[in-house]
Amino acid sequence: MNEKITTFKVKVREFRVKKGLTQEELAKRAGVRRETIVFLEQGKYSPSLKLALNIAQELGVPISKLFFLS
């Protein structure tokens, strides 16, 4: 049996910095606490689809650029 091992990758920090937003600002715009953004950026939290879409909208990028499996 051949199983693929995938890793969940997050590029929220990269796009947040390019947009000139702090973690606090992005959190407020996305409707979550700053800690949620911190954990997302550290790869310690997998967001709901709704949150992922909200963050993608706030950063102005497709969701597939922010969250993906490798």
C-alpha atoms as a PDB file:
ATOM      1  CA  MET A   1       0.000   0.000   0.000  1.00  0.00           C
ATOM      2  CA  ASN A   2       1.395   3.377  -1.046  1.00  0.00           C
ATOM      3  CA  GLU A   3       0.221   6.249   1.168  1.00  0.00           C
ATOM      4  CA  LYS A   4       0.973   9.868   0.401  1.00  0.00           C
ATOM      5  CA  ILE A   5       2.219  11.899   3.319  1.00  0.00           C
ATOM      6  CA  THR A   6       1.093  15.489   3.051  1.00  0.00           C
ATOM      7  CA  THR A   7       1.829  18.527   5.137  1.00  0.00           C
ATOM      8  CA  PHE A   8      -0.566  21.421   5.605  1.00  0.00           C
ATOM      9  CA  LYS A   9       1.217  24.626   4.563  1.00  0.00           C
ATOM     10  CA  VAL A  10       0.184  28.147   5.446  1.00  0.00           C
ATOM     11  CA  LYS A  11       1.419  31.358   3.831  1.00  0.00           C
ATOM     12  CA  VAL A  12      -0.756  33.819   5.738  1.00  0.00           C
ATOM     13  CA  ARG A  13       2.205  35.683   7.242  1.00  0.00           C
ATOM     14  CA  GLU A  14       3.858  36.235   3.867  1.00  0.00           C
ATOM     15  CA  PHE A  15       0.743  37.802   2.322  1.00  0.00           C
ATOM     16  CA  ARG A  16      -0.186  39.687   5.519  1.00  0.00           C
ATOM     17  CA  VAL A  17       3.220  41.380   5.583  1.00  0.00           C
ATOM     18  CA  LYS A  18       3.014  42.216   1.856  1.00  0.00           C
ATOM     19  CA  LYS A  19      -0.357  43.865   2.532  1.00  0.00           C
ATOM     20  CA  GLY A  20       1.149  45.846   5.431  1.00  0.00           C
ATOM     21  CA  LEU A  21      -1.158  44.430   8.101  1.00  0.00           C
ATOM     22  CA  THR A  22      -0.337  43.489  11.663  1.00  0.00           C
ATOM     23  CA  GLN A  23      -1.639  40.240  13.126  1.00  0.00           C
ATOM     24  CA  GLU A  24      -4.086  42.299  15.181  1.00  0.00           C
ATOM     25  CA  GLU A  25      -5.413  44.155  12.127  1.00  0.00           C
ATOM     26  CA  LEU A  26      -5.906  40.964  10.134  1.00  0.00           C
ATOM     27  CA  ALA A  27      -7.588  39.303  13.103  1.00  0.00           C
ATOM     28  CA  LYS A  28     -10.082  42.169  13.486  1.00  0.00           C
ATOM     29  CA  ARG A  29     -10.858  42.157   9.749  1.00  0.00           C
ATOM     30  CA  ALA A  30     -11.339  38.378   9.746  1.00  0.00           C
ATOM     31  CA  GLY A  31     -13.406  38.409  12.952  1.00  0.00           C
ATOM     32  CA  VAL A  32     -11.053  36.354  15.129  1.00  0.00           C
ATOM     33  CA  ARG A  33      -8.602  36.907  17.985  1.00  0.00           C
ATOM     34  CA  ARG A  34      -4.976  37.772  17.281  1.00  0.00           C
ATOM     35  CA  GLU A  35      -3.938  34.455  18.821  1.00  0.00           C
ATOM     36  CA  THR A  36      -5.799  32.641  16.052  1.00  0.00           C
ATOM     37  CA  ILE A  37      -3.672  34.407  13.439  1.00  0.00           C
ATOM     38  CA  VAL A  38      -0.521  33.642  15.453  1.00  0.00           C
ATOM     39  CA  PHE A  39      -1.371  29.919  15.576  1.00  0.00           C
ATOM     40  CA  LEU A  40      -2.287  29.890  11.872  1.00  0.00           C
ATOM     41  CA  GLU A  41       1.025  31.459  10.912  1.00  0.00           C
ATOM     42  CA  GLN A  42       2.903  28.962  13.083  1.00  0.00           C
ATOM     43  CA  GLY A  43       1.078  26.050  11.459  1.00  0.00           C
ATOM     44  CA  LYS A  44      -0.470  25.037  14.785  1.00  0.00           C
ATOM     45  CA  TYR A  45      -4.077  25.614  13.714  1.00  0.00           C
ATOM     46  CA  SER A  46      -6.123  24.484  10.726  1.00  0.00           C
ATOM     47  CA  PRO A  47      -8.820  27.043   9.969  1.00  0.00           C
ATOM     48  CA  SER A  48     -12.409  26.344   9.087  1.00  0.00           C
ATOM     49  CA  LEU A  49     -13.292  26.892   5.442  1.00  0.00           C
ATOM     50  CA  LYS A  50     -15.222  30.034   6.404  1.00  0.00           C
ATOM     51  CA  LEU A  51     -12.221  31.519   8.238  1.00  0.00           C
ATOM     52  CA  ALA A  52      -9.854  30.577   5.418  1.00  0.00           C
ATOM     53  CA  LEU A  53     -12.153  32.329   2.935  1.00  0.00           C
ATOM     54  CA  ASN A  54     -12.424  35.414   5.158  1.00  0.00           C
ATOM     55  CA  ILE A  55      -8.654  35.680   5.459  1.00  0.00           C
ATOM     56  CA  ALA A  56      -8.158  35.171   1.727  1.00  0.00           C
ATOM     57  CA  GLN A  57     -10.679  37.937   1.008  1.00  0.00           C
ATOM     58  CA  GLU A  58      -9.017  40.328   3.452  1.00  0.00           C
ATOM     59  CA  LEU A  59      -5.602  39.652   1.915  1.00  0.00           C
ATOM     60  CA  GLY A  60      -6.937  39.824  -1.636  1.00  0.00           C
ATOM     61  CA  VAL A  61      -5.529  36.480  -2.739  1.00  0.00           C
ATOM     62  CA  PRO A  62      -7.054  33.125  -3.718  1.00  0.00           C
ATOM     63  CA  ILE A  63      -7.460  30.718  -0.824  1.00  0.00           C
ATOM     64  CA  SER A  64      -5.207  28.225  -2.643  1.00  0.00           C
ATOM     65  CA  LYS A  65      -2.264  30.647  -2.316  1.00  0.00           C
ATOM     66  CA  LEU A  66      -2.650  30.776   1.465  1.00  0.00           C
ATOM     67  CA  PHE A  67      -3.466  27.196   2.429  1.00  0.00           C
ATOM     68  CA  PHE A  68      -2.349  24.038   0.661  1.00  0.00           C
ATOM     69  CA  LEU A  69      -0.986  20.520   1.099  1.00  0.00           C
ATOM     70  CA  SER A  70       2.517  19.634   0.033  1.00  0.00           C
END
